[in-house]
N, C-alpha and C. Protein backbone atom coordinates (compact mmCIF):
# COMPACT_ATOMS: atom_id res chain seq x y z
N UNK A 1 -41.64 1.51 42.57
CA UNK A 1 -41.61 0.59 41.45
C UNK A 1 -40.63 1.12 40.41
N UNK A 2 -39.69 0.30 40.03
CA UNK A 2 -38.70 0.71 39.04
C UNK A 2 -39.05 0.10 37.69
N UNK A 3 -38.81 0.86 36.68
CA UNK A 3 -39.07 0.35 35.33
C UNK A 3 -37.74 -0.03 34.69
N UNK A 4 -37.74 -1.10 34.01
CA UNK A 4 -36.54 -1.53 33.31
C UNK A 4 -36.73 -1.26 31.83
N UNK A 5 -35.73 -0.68 31.27
CA UNK A 5 -35.81 -0.41 29.83
C UNK A 5 -35.23 -1.60 29.07
N UNK A 6 -35.90 -1.94 28.03
CA UNK A 6 -35.43 -3.06 27.20
C UNK A 6 -34.33 -2.55 26.28
N UNK A 7 -33.27 -3.30 26.20
CA UNK A 7 -32.17 -2.91 25.32
C UNK A 7 -32.42 -3.51 23.94
N UNK A 8 -32.46 -2.63 22.96
CA UNK A 8 -32.69 -3.04 21.58
C UNK A 8 -31.49 -2.61 20.76
N UNK A 9 -30.94 -3.50 19.95
CA UNK A 9 -29.80 -3.09 19.11
C UNK A 9 -30.18 -1.90 18.23
N UNK A 10 -29.25 -0.97 18.10
CA UNK A 10 -29.50 0.26 17.34
C UNK A 10 -29.87 -0.04 15.90
N UNK A 11 -29.32 -1.10 15.33
CA UNK A 11 -29.58 -1.42 13.92
C UNK A 11 -31.03 -1.81 13.68
N UNK A 12 -31.73 -2.32 14.72
CA UNK A 12 -33.13 -2.68 14.52
C UNK A 12 -34.03 -1.45 14.54
N UNK A 13 -33.64 -0.45 15.31
CA UNK A 13 -34.44 0.79 15.37
C UNK A 13 -34.06 1.71 14.22
N UNK A 14 -32.77 1.81 13.95
CA UNK A 14 -32.27 2.67 12.88
C UNK A 14 -31.52 1.81 11.87
N UNK A 15 -32.19 1.29 10.85
CA UNK A 15 -31.53 0.37 9.92
C UNK A 15 -30.34 0.98 9.20
N UNK A 16 -30.33 2.30 9.03
CA UNK A 16 -29.22 2.93 8.32
C UNK A 16 -27.93 2.92 9.13
N UNK A 17 -28.01 2.58 10.42
CA UNK A 17 -26.82 2.50 11.24
C UNK A 17 -26.09 1.17 11.09
N UNK A 18 -26.75 0.22 10.45
CA UNK A 18 -26.14 -1.09 10.29
C UNK A 18 -24.99 -0.97 9.28
N UNK A 19 -23.85 -1.41 9.69
CA UNK A 19 -22.66 -1.34 8.85
C UNK A 19 -22.29 -2.76 8.46
N UNK A 20 -22.26 -3.00 7.17
CA UNK A 20 -21.86 -4.31 6.70
C UNK A 20 -20.35 -4.35 6.61
N UNK A 21 -19.74 -5.22 7.37
CA UNK A 21 -18.29 -5.34 7.41
C UNK A 21 -17.88 -6.57 6.63
N UNK A 22 -16.87 -6.43 5.79
CA UNK A 22 -16.39 -7.62 5.08
C UNK A 22 -15.73 -8.57 6.08
N UNK A 23 -15.67 -9.84 5.73
CA UNK A 23 -15.01 -10.77 6.66
C UNK A 23 -13.56 -10.37 6.84
N UNK A 24 -13.08 -10.48 8.03
CA UNK A 24 -11.71 -10.06 8.31
C UNK A 24 -10.73 -11.06 7.75
N UNK A 25 -9.69 -10.54 7.17
CA UNK A 25 -8.63 -11.36 6.61
C UNK A 25 -7.45 -11.26 7.56
N UNK A 26 -6.91 -12.38 8.01
CA UNK A 26 -5.79 -12.30 8.96
C UNK A 26 -4.57 -11.66 8.31
N UNK A 27 -3.83 -10.91 9.09
CA UNK A 27 -2.62 -10.27 8.59
C UNK A 27 -1.55 -11.31 8.32
N UNK A 28 -0.75 -11.02 7.30
CA UNK A 28 0.42 -11.84 7.06
C UNK A 28 1.43 -11.55 8.17
N UNK A 29 2.56 -12.16 8.06
CA UNK A 29 3.62 -11.86 9.01
C UNK A 29 4.08 -10.42 8.78
N UNK A 30 4.32 -9.69 9.85
CA UNK A 30 4.77 -8.30 9.77
C UNK A 30 6.25 -8.25 10.10
N UNK A 31 7.02 -7.56 9.25
CA UNK A 31 8.46 -7.45 9.43
C UNK A 31 8.84 -6.03 9.80
N UNK A 32 9.85 -5.90 10.64
CA UNK A 32 10.43 -4.59 10.91
C UNK A 32 11.29 -4.22 9.70
N UNK A 33 11.78 -3.01 9.68
CA UNK A 33 12.61 -2.57 8.56
C UNK A 33 13.86 -3.42 8.44
N UNK A 34 14.50 -3.71 9.56
CA UNK A 34 15.73 -4.51 9.51
C UNK A 34 15.46 -5.92 9.00
N UNK A 35 14.36 -6.53 9.45
CA UNK A 35 14.03 -7.88 9.01
C UNK A 35 13.69 -7.91 7.52
N UNK A 36 12.93 -6.90 7.06
CA UNK A 36 12.56 -6.83 5.64
C UNK A 36 13.78 -6.59 4.77
N UNK A 37 14.67 -5.71 5.23
CA UNK A 37 15.89 -5.41 4.47
C UNK A 37 16.77 -6.65 4.37
N UNK A 38 16.86 -7.40 5.44
CA UNK A 38 17.64 -8.63 5.42
C UNK A 38 17.01 -9.65 4.48
N UNK A 39 15.70 -9.71 4.49
CA UNK A 39 15.00 -10.67 3.62
C UNK A 39 15.20 -10.36 2.14
N UNK A 40 15.18 -9.07 1.76
CA UNK A 40 15.37 -8.69 0.36
C UNK A 40 16.84 -8.40 0.03
N UNK A 41 17.70 -8.52 1.04
CA UNK A 41 19.14 -8.33 0.88
C UNK A 41 19.48 -6.93 0.36
N UNK A 42 18.89 -5.94 0.99
CA UNK A 42 19.19 -4.54 0.71
C UNK A 42 19.48 -3.84 2.04
N UNK A 43 19.94 -2.59 1.94
CA UNK A 43 20.21 -1.85 3.17
C UNK A 43 18.91 -1.36 3.80
N UNK A 44 19.01 -0.97 5.05
CA UNK A 44 17.85 -0.45 5.77
C UNK A 44 17.29 0.78 5.08
N UNK A 45 18.15 1.69 4.67
CA UNK A 45 17.72 2.93 4.02
C UNK A 45 17.04 2.64 2.67
N UNK A 46 17.61 1.70 1.91
CA UNK A 46 17.01 1.33 0.63
C UNK A 46 15.62 0.75 0.84
N UNK A 47 15.47 -0.06 1.89
CA UNK A 47 14.17 -0.67 2.18
C UNK A 47 13.13 0.40 2.47
N UNK A 48 13.48 1.39 3.27
CA UNK A 48 12.55 2.47 3.60
C UNK A 48 12.21 3.26 2.35
N UNK A 49 13.21 3.57 1.54
CA UNK A 49 12.99 4.35 0.31
C UNK A 49 12.08 3.61 -0.65
N UNK A 50 12.31 2.32 -0.86
CA UNK A 50 11.47 1.53 -1.75
C UNK A 50 10.03 1.46 -1.22
N UNK A 51 9.89 1.24 0.07
CA UNK A 51 8.56 1.16 0.67
C UNK A 51 7.78 2.45 0.54
N UNK A 52 8.44 3.56 0.77
CA UNK A 52 7.76 4.86 0.67
C UNK A 52 7.44 5.21 -0.78
N UNK A 53 8.38 4.97 -1.69
CA UNK A 53 8.16 5.31 -3.10
C UNK A 53 7.01 4.52 -3.71
N UNK A 54 6.88 3.27 -3.33
CA UNK A 54 5.85 2.41 -3.89
C UNK A 54 4.57 2.38 -3.06
N UNK A 55 4.61 2.98 -1.88
CA UNK A 55 3.45 2.94 -1.00
C UNK A 55 3.23 1.55 -0.43
N UNK A 56 4.31 0.81 -0.27
CA UNK A 56 4.22 -0.57 0.20
C UNK A 56 4.84 -0.72 1.58
N UNK A 57 4.39 0.09 2.51
CA UNK A 57 4.85 -0.04 3.89
C UNK A 57 3.83 0.63 4.79
N UNK A 58 3.95 0.37 6.06
CA UNK A 58 3.11 1.02 7.06
C UNK A 58 4.02 1.78 8.00
N UNK A 59 3.60 2.98 8.39
CA UNK A 59 4.41 3.82 9.26
C UNK A 59 3.65 4.03 10.56
N UNK A 60 4.32 3.71 11.66
CA UNK A 60 3.77 3.98 12.98
C UNK A 60 4.84 4.76 13.72
N UNK A 61 4.56 6.04 13.92
CA UNK A 61 5.56 6.92 14.52
C UNK A 61 6.73 7.08 13.56
N UNK A 62 7.91 6.70 14.00
CA UNK A 62 9.09 6.76 13.15
C UNK A 62 9.51 5.39 12.62
N UNK A 63 8.73 4.39 12.95
CA UNK A 63 9.07 3.02 12.56
C UNK A 63 8.30 2.61 11.31
N UNK A 64 8.97 1.85 10.44
CA UNK A 64 8.37 1.33 9.22
C UNK A 64 8.18 -0.17 9.37
N UNK A 65 7.03 -0.66 8.90
CA UNK A 65 6.72 -2.07 8.96
C UNK A 65 6.28 -2.56 7.59
N UNK A 66 6.60 -3.81 7.28
CA UNK A 66 6.32 -4.38 5.98
C UNK A 66 5.63 -5.73 6.16
N UNK A 67 4.56 -5.96 5.39
CA UNK A 67 3.88 -7.25 5.41
C UNK A 67 4.45 -8.11 4.28
N UNK A 68 4.04 -9.36 4.25
CA UNK A 68 4.45 -10.25 3.16
C UNK A 68 4.02 -9.66 1.82
N UNK A 69 2.80 -9.12 1.78
CA UNK A 69 2.27 -8.52 0.54
C UNK A 69 3.11 -7.32 0.12
N UNK A 70 3.53 -6.49 1.07
CA UNK A 70 4.38 -5.34 0.76
C UNK A 70 5.70 -5.79 0.13
N UNK A 71 6.31 -6.81 0.72
CA UNK A 71 7.58 -7.31 0.19
C UNK A 71 7.40 -7.87 -1.22
N UNK A 72 6.29 -8.55 -1.45
CA UNK A 72 6.02 -9.08 -2.78
C UNK A 72 5.82 -7.95 -3.79
N UNK A 73 5.10 -6.89 -3.40
CA UNK A 73 4.89 -5.74 -4.29
C UNK A 73 6.21 -5.06 -4.62
N UNK A 74 7.07 -4.90 -3.62
CA UNK A 74 8.39 -4.28 -3.85
C UNK A 74 9.22 -5.17 -4.78
N UNK A 75 9.17 -6.46 -4.55
CA UNK A 75 9.94 -7.40 -5.39
C UNK A 75 9.47 -7.35 -6.84
N UNK A 76 8.15 -7.31 -7.05
CA UNK A 76 7.61 -7.24 -8.41
C UNK A 76 7.98 -5.93 -9.10
N UNK A 77 7.95 -4.83 -8.35
CA UNK A 77 8.24 -3.52 -8.93
C UNK A 77 9.71 -3.39 -9.31
N UNK A 78 10.58 -4.12 -8.66
CA UNK A 78 12.02 -4.01 -8.92
C UNK A 78 12.51 -5.01 -9.96
N UNK A 79 11.60 -5.72 -10.63
CA UNK A 79 11.99 -6.68 -11.64
C UNK A 79 12.71 -5.98 -12.79
N UNK A 80 13.72 -6.64 -13.33
CA UNK A 80 14.48 -6.08 -14.45
C UNK A 80 13.65 -6.18 -15.73
N UNK A 81 13.85 -5.22 -16.63
CA UNK A 81 13.15 -5.26 -17.91
C UNK A 81 13.77 -6.35 -18.78
N UNK A 82 12.93 -7.12 -19.46
CA UNK A 82 13.48 -8.15 -20.34
C UNK A 82 14.16 -7.53 -21.55
N UNK A 83 15.15 -8.19 -22.06
CA UNK A 83 15.84 -7.71 -23.25
C UNK A 83 15.66 -8.72 -24.38
N UNK A 84 15.68 -8.23 -25.60
CA UNK A 84 15.56 -9.13 -26.75
C UNK A 84 16.92 -9.75 -27.03
N UNK A 85 16.98 -10.59 -28.04
CA UNK A 85 18.23 -11.27 -28.35
C UNK A 85 19.30 -10.30 -28.84
N UNK A 86 18.91 -9.11 -29.35
CA UNK A 86 19.88 -8.12 -29.79
C UNK A 86 20.38 -7.25 -28.64
N UNK A 87 19.86 -7.46 -27.43
CA UNK A 87 20.34 -6.69 -26.30
C UNK A 87 19.58 -5.41 -26.07
N UNK A 88 18.52 -5.15 -26.86
CA UNK A 88 17.72 -3.94 -26.65
C UNK A 88 16.57 -4.26 -25.72
N UNK A 89 16.13 -3.27 -25.00
CA UNK A 89 15.00 -3.47 -24.09
C UNK A 89 13.72 -3.63 -24.89
N UNK A 90 12.91 -4.56 -24.51
CA UNK A 90 11.62 -4.79 -25.13
C UNK A 90 10.60 -3.89 -24.44
N UNK A 91 9.68 -3.33 -25.20
CA UNK A 91 8.67 -2.44 -24.62
C UNK A 91 7.67 -3.25 -23.81
N UNK A 92 7.79 -3.16 -22.50
CA UNK A 92 6.88 -3.84 -21.58
C UNK A 92 6.43 -2.80 -20.58
N UNK A 93 5.12 -2.72 -20.36
CA UNK A 93 4.62 -1.75 -19.38
C UNK A 93 5.00 -2.20 -17.98
N UNK A 94 5.51 -1.25 -17.21
CA UNK A 94 5.87 -1.53 -15.83
C UNK A 94 4.64 -1.65 -14.96
N UNK A 95 4.86 -2.05 -13.74
CA UNK A 95 3.78 -2.19 -12.79
C UNK A 95 3.37 -0.79 -12.35
N UNK A 96 2.08 -0.48 -12.50
CA UNK A 96 1.58 0.83 -12.10
C UNK A 96 0.83 0.67 -10.79
N UNK A 97 1.51 1.04 -9.70
CA UNK A 97 0.88 0.91 -8.38
C UNK A 97 -0.09 2.06 -8.16
N UNK A 98 -0.89 1.94 -7.13
CA UNK A 98 -1.85 3.00 -6.82
C UNK A 98 -1.16 4.32 -6.54
N UNK A 99 -0.01 4.27 -5.86
CA UNK A 99 0.71 5.50 -5.53
C UNK A 99 1.24 6.15 -6.80
N UNK A 100 1.84 5.36 -7.69
CA UNK A 100 2.35 5.92 -8.95
C UNK A 100 1.21 6.50 -9.78
N UNK A 101 0.08 5.81 -9.84
CA UNK A 101 -1.07 6.30 -10.58
C UNK A 101 -1.56 7.62 -10.01
N UNK A 102 -1.64 7.70 -8.68
CA UNK A 102 -2.10 8.93 -8.05
C UNK A 102 -1.15 10.09 -8.35
N UNK A 103 0.15 9.84 -8.24
CA UNK A 103 1.13 10.90 -8.52
C UNK A 103 1.07 11.36 -9.97
N UNK A 104 0.91 10.42 -10.90
CA UNK A 104 0.85 10.82 -12.30
C UNK A 104 -0.43 11.59 -12.60
N UNK A 105 -1.54 11.19 -11.98
CA UNK A 105 -2.79 11.92 -12.19
C UNK A 105 -2.71 13.32 -11.60
N UNK A 106 -2.09 13.46 -10.45
CA UNK A 106 -1.93 14.79 -9.84
C UNK A 106 -1.08 15.67 -10.74
N UNK A 107 0.02 15.13 -11.26
CA UNK A 107 0.89 15.94 -12.12
C UNK A 107 0.20 16.31 -13.43
N UNK A 108 -0.66 15.45 -13.93
CA UNK A 108 -1.38 15.76 -15.17
C UNK A 108 -2.47 16.80 -14.96
N UNK A 109 -3.06 16.82 -13.78
CA UNK A 109 -4.16 17.75 -13.54
C UNK A 109 -3.72 19.08 -12.96
N UNK A 110 -2.46 19.18 -12.55
CA UNK A 110 -1.99 20.46 -12.01
C UNK A 110 -1.83 21.47 -13.12
N UNK A 111 -2.07 22.72 -12.78
CA UNK A 111 -1.96 23.80 -13.74
C UNK A 111 -0.46 24.02 -14.08
N UNK A 112 -0.18 24.14 -15.35
CA UNK A 112 1.19 24.34 -15.79
C UNK A 112 1.64 25.77 -15.49
N UNK A 113 2.90 25.91 -15.14
CA UNK A 113 3.46 27.25 -14.90
C UNK A 113 3.71 27.94 -16.23
N UNK A 114 3.39 29.20 -16.25
CA UNK A 114 3.66 29.98 -17.47
C UNK A 114 5.09 30.43 -17.48
N UNK A 115 5.71 30.34 -18.62
CA UNK A 115 7.07 30.84 -18.76
C UNK A 115 7.05 32.34 -18.93
N UNK A 116 7.98 33.01 -18.31
CA UNK A 116 8.02 34.46 -18.41
C UNK A 116 9.17 34.91 -19.27
């Protein structure tokens, strides 16, 4: 006589194992570096540099990929500062991305070197 074990989902036995997942959002169109550079009318190297500096790219191996959202973030970050009628720059706060914020916080919290 063989006994069959009943299969019970782990979440019913161990409620703490249940993971609530947010609804999945479909990815925008993904561009290669060449496609993204052509779209923003910059060179391939400039595209990679902007993506890395702003944290607006994905890296898989040696290849860089950009989503629609990444291109929009890069475009917003590269906006020119407005000028007043006298030709002077108006004080406007720039876009502070997560990467810039992290770098500034790290630099503020690092111990200063003593001058000798």
